[in-house]
Protein backbone atom coordinates (compact mmCIF):
# COMPACT_ATOMS: atom_id res chain seq x y z
CA MET A 1 0.00 0.00 0.00
CA PRO A 2 1.59 3.36 -1.04
CA LEU A 3 2.07 6.01 1.59
CA ASP A 4 -0.14 9.05 1.28
CA ILE A 5 2.33 11.84 2.03
CA THR A 6 1.36 15.45 1.58
CA VAL A 7 3.64 18.44 1.70
CA GLU A 8 2.78 22.12 1.88
CA ARG A 9 3.99 23.55 -1.43
CA TYR A 10 4.82 27.06 -2.50
CA PRO A 11 2.09 28.80 -4.50
CA ALA A 12 2.04 27.96 -8.22
CA THR A 13 3.21 31.47 -9.16
CA THR A 14 6.26 31.09 -6.93
CA ARG A 15 7.11 27.68 -8.38
CA ILE A 16 6.71 28.85 -11.99
CA LEU A 17 8.83 31.96 -11.43
CA HIS A 18 11.48 29.93 -9.55
CA TRP A 19 11.95 27.43 -12.38
CA ALA A 20 11.67 29.99 -15.19
CA ILE A 21 14.36 32.16 -13.58
CA ALA A 22 16.52 29.11 -12.87
CA ALA A 23 16.31 28.02 -16.52
CA LEU A 24 17.13 31.52 -17.76
CA VAL A 25 20.10 31.87 -15.41
CA LEU A 26 21.36 28.45 -16.45
CA ALA A 27 21.25 29.68 -20.07
CA THR A 28 22.45 33.26 -19.48
CA TRP A 29 25.44 32.59 -17.23
CA PRO A 30 27.28 30.23 -19.65
CA LEU A 31 26.47 32.49 -22.62
CA GLY A 32 28.11 35.41 -20.81
CA PHE A 33 31.08 33.28 -19.78
CA VAL A 34 31.90 32.04 -23.28
CA ILE A 35 31.36 35.31 -25.19
CA HIS A 36 35.06 36.16 -24.97
CA PHE A 37 35.97 32.86 -26.61
CA ILE A 38 33.52 33.13 -29.51
CA GLN A 39 34.61 34.13 -33.01
CA ASN A 40 33.60 37.63 -34.08
CA GLU A 41 31.10 36.40 -36.70
CA THR A 42 28.83 34.90 -34.05
CA LYS A 43 29.77 37.02 -31.03
CA LEU A 44 26.92 39.49 -31.62
CA THR A 45 24.37 36.65 -31.51
CA PHE A 46 25.74 35.47 -28.17
CA TYR A 47 25.61 39.03 -26.80
CA MET A 48 22.04 39.46 -28.02
CA LEU A 49 20.91 36.22 -26.35
CA HIS A 50 22.85 36.92 -23.14
CA GLU A 51 21.49 40.45 -22.84
CA GLY A 52 17.96 39.44 -23.84
CA PHE A 53 17.79 36.60 -21.30
CA GLY A 54 19.42 38.81 -18.65
CA PHE A 55 16.85 41.57 -19.16
CA LEU A 56 14.10 38.96 -18.90
CA VAL A 57 15.64 37.69 -15.63
CA LEU A 58 15.42 41.24 -14.26
CA TRP A 59 11.71 41.56 -15.00
CA LEU A 60 10.92 38.07 -13.73
CA MET A 61 12.87 38.80 -10.54
CA LEU A 62 10.87 41.98 -10.03
CA LEU A 63 7.70 39.90 -10.47
CA ARG A 64 9.12 37.39 -8.02
CA VAL A 65 9.70 40.09 -5.40
CA GLY A 66 6.09 41.24 -5.84
CA ASN A 67 4.92 37.64 -5.68
CA LYS A 68 6.89 37.10 -2.47
CA LEU A 69 5.23 40.12 -0.89
CA LEU A 70 1.73 38.97 -1.90
CA THR A 71 1.82 35.21 -1.30
CA ARG A 72 2.34 33.03 1.73
CA SER A 73 5.28 30.62 1.82
CA PRO A 74 5.21 27.28 3.64
CA GLU A 75 6.44 27.38 7.20
CA ALA A 76 10.21 27.03 7.54
CA GLU A 77 11.35 23.68 8.88
CA GLY A 78 14.54 22.35 10.41
CA PRO A 79 17.09 23.71 12.86
CA ARG A 80 17.26 27.48 13.31
CA ILE A 81 20.79 27.67 11.84
CA GLU A 82 19.56 26.02 8.62
CA GLN A 83 16.63 28.45 8.44
CA ILE A 84 18.99 31.42 8.85
CA ALA A 85 21.36 30.04 6.19
CA ALA A 86 18.47 29.39 3.78
CA HIS A 87 17.05 32.89 4.27
CA ALA A 88 20.50 34.44 3.79
CA VAL A 89 21.23 32.52 0.58
CA HIS A 90 17.75 33.17 -0.84
CA GLY A 91 17.92 36.86 0.09
CA LEU A 92 21.34 37.26 -1.52
CA LEU A 93 20.15 35.42 -4.64
CA TYR A 94 17.27 37.88 -4.91
CA VAL A 95 19.62 40.85 -4.50
CA PHE A 96 22.23 39.67 -7.00
CA LEU A 97 19.68 38.40 -9.53
CA ILE A 98 18.46 42.00 -9.66
CA VAL A 99 21.85 43.75 -9.35
CA MET A 100 23.45 41.63 -12.05
CA PRO A 101 21.05 42.36 -14.93
CA ILE A 102 20.81 46.03 -13.97
CA SER A 103 24.60 46.39 -13.88
CA GLY A 104 24.90 44.49 -17.19
CA PHE A 105 22.26 46.66 -18.84
CA LEU A 106 23.87 49.87 -17.57
CA ALA A 107 27.38 48.67 -18.47
CA THR A 108 26.26 47.90 -22.02
CA ASN A 109 24.74 51.38 -22.24
CA ALA A 110 27.82 53.01 -20.73
CA HIS A 111 30.02 51.28 -23.31
CA GLY A 112 27.82 52.90 -25.96
CA PHE A 113 25.69 49.93 -26.98
CA PRO A 114 21.95 50.33 -26.44
CA LEU A 115 20.02 47.18 -25.63
CA HIS A 116 17.97 45.86 -28.55
CA TRP A 117 15.90 43.28 -26.70
CA PHE A 118 16.18 40.11 -28.82
CA GLY A 119 16.61 42.41 -31.81
CA LEU A 120 12.97 43.49 -31.52
CA VAL A 121 12.77 46.53 -29.27
CA GLU A 122 15.36 49.15 -28.38
CA ILE A 123 15.28 49.72 -24.62
CA TRP A 124 15.70 53.31 -23.48
CA SER A 125 19.10 53.99 -21.93
CA PRO A 126 19.00 55.88 -18.64
CA ILE A 127 22.69 56.81 -18.83
CA GLY A 128 23.77 56.67 -22.47
CA LYS A 129 27.40 56.34 -23.43
CA SER A 130 29.49 57.00 -20.30
CA PRO A 131 33.02 55.60 -20.67
CA ASP A 132 34.04 56.94 -17.25
CA ILE A 133 31.66 54.53 -15.42
CA ALA A 134 31.51 51.68 -17.95
CA GLY A 135 34.38 49.76 -16.34
CA PHE A 136 32.92 50.13 -12.86
CA LEU A 137 29.52 48.83 -14.00
CA SER A 138 31.18 45.96 -15.90
CA GLY A 139 33.07 45.08 -12.71
CA ILE A 140 29.84 44.93 -10.71
CA HIS A 141 28.33 42.72 -13.41
CA PHE A 142 31.38 40.44 -13.50
CA TRP A 143 31.60 39.95 -9.74
CA SER A 144 27.85 39.53 -9.43
CA ALA A 145 28.11 36.58 -11.83
CA TRP A 146 30.63 34.83 -9.59
CA ILE A 147 28.64 35.61 -6.46
CA ILE A 148 25.51 34.14 -8.09
CA LEU A 149 27.46 31.03 -9.09
CA THR A 150 28.63 30.63 -5.48
CA LEU A 151 25.12 31.15 -4.11
CA PHE A 152 23.76 28.72 -6.71
CA ALA A 153 26.29 26.09 -5.57
CA LEU A 154 25.26 26.63 -1.94
CA HIS A 155 21.59 26.36 -2.93
CA ILE A 156 22.13 23.12 -4.87
CA GLY A 157 24.25 21.78 -2.01
CA ALA A 158 21.39 22.42 0.40
CA VAL A 159 18.90 20.78 -1.98
CA LEU A 160 21.12 17.70 -2.17
CA MET A 161 21.60 17.64 1.60
CA HIS A 162 17.83 17.74 2.17
CA HIS A 163 16.90 15.31 -0.58
CA VAL A 164 19.74 12.78 -0.50
CA ILE A 165 21.11 12.89 3.04
CA LYS A 166 18.18 14.00 5.21
CA ARG A 167 15.60 12.50 2.84
CA ASP A 168 13.03 15.11 3.82
CA MET A 169 10.29 16.75 1.73
CA THR A 170 11.97 20.14 1.21
CA LEU A 171 12.53 19.70 -2.55
CA TYR A 172 8.88 18.77 -3.13
CA ARG A 173 7.73 22.15 -1.81
CA ILE A 174 9.08 23.91 -4.94
CA LEU A 175 8.20 21.19 -7.49
């Protein structure tokens, strides 16, 4: 006889946004990483995809913040130290998944390249070409990428700890 186990899940909007953003980040991060190794003939295509996905991540993250403010999450479980660590990693992921696309967008603008979102729409530039701050903004974007990768590794490590070692229902809350 199968066990009838129920788990309190995140709202559907939270789950959809979580996985959509995860998929976009998993596409955007490698695209940005390999751009410098791509031949010039195809480099522009990689930039267009990287910037387009990144801009989409920004808007989905802003929706996710609004969603977080309007919906109720399942009660936190586990030892207090794990709850604090989870909240810290999630909070930092939110911050850097907003900082990174903003800094990339502004850096692109500051280098003198307006964003043409997927080649369809030119996005208004709030700063225009500004070589004096372009390097600074590019630095923020670069370091944000590595911070996100670190936070992602911590997040996946926690998922594996809960699912494989502790064998609890944590993963099922977001599926």
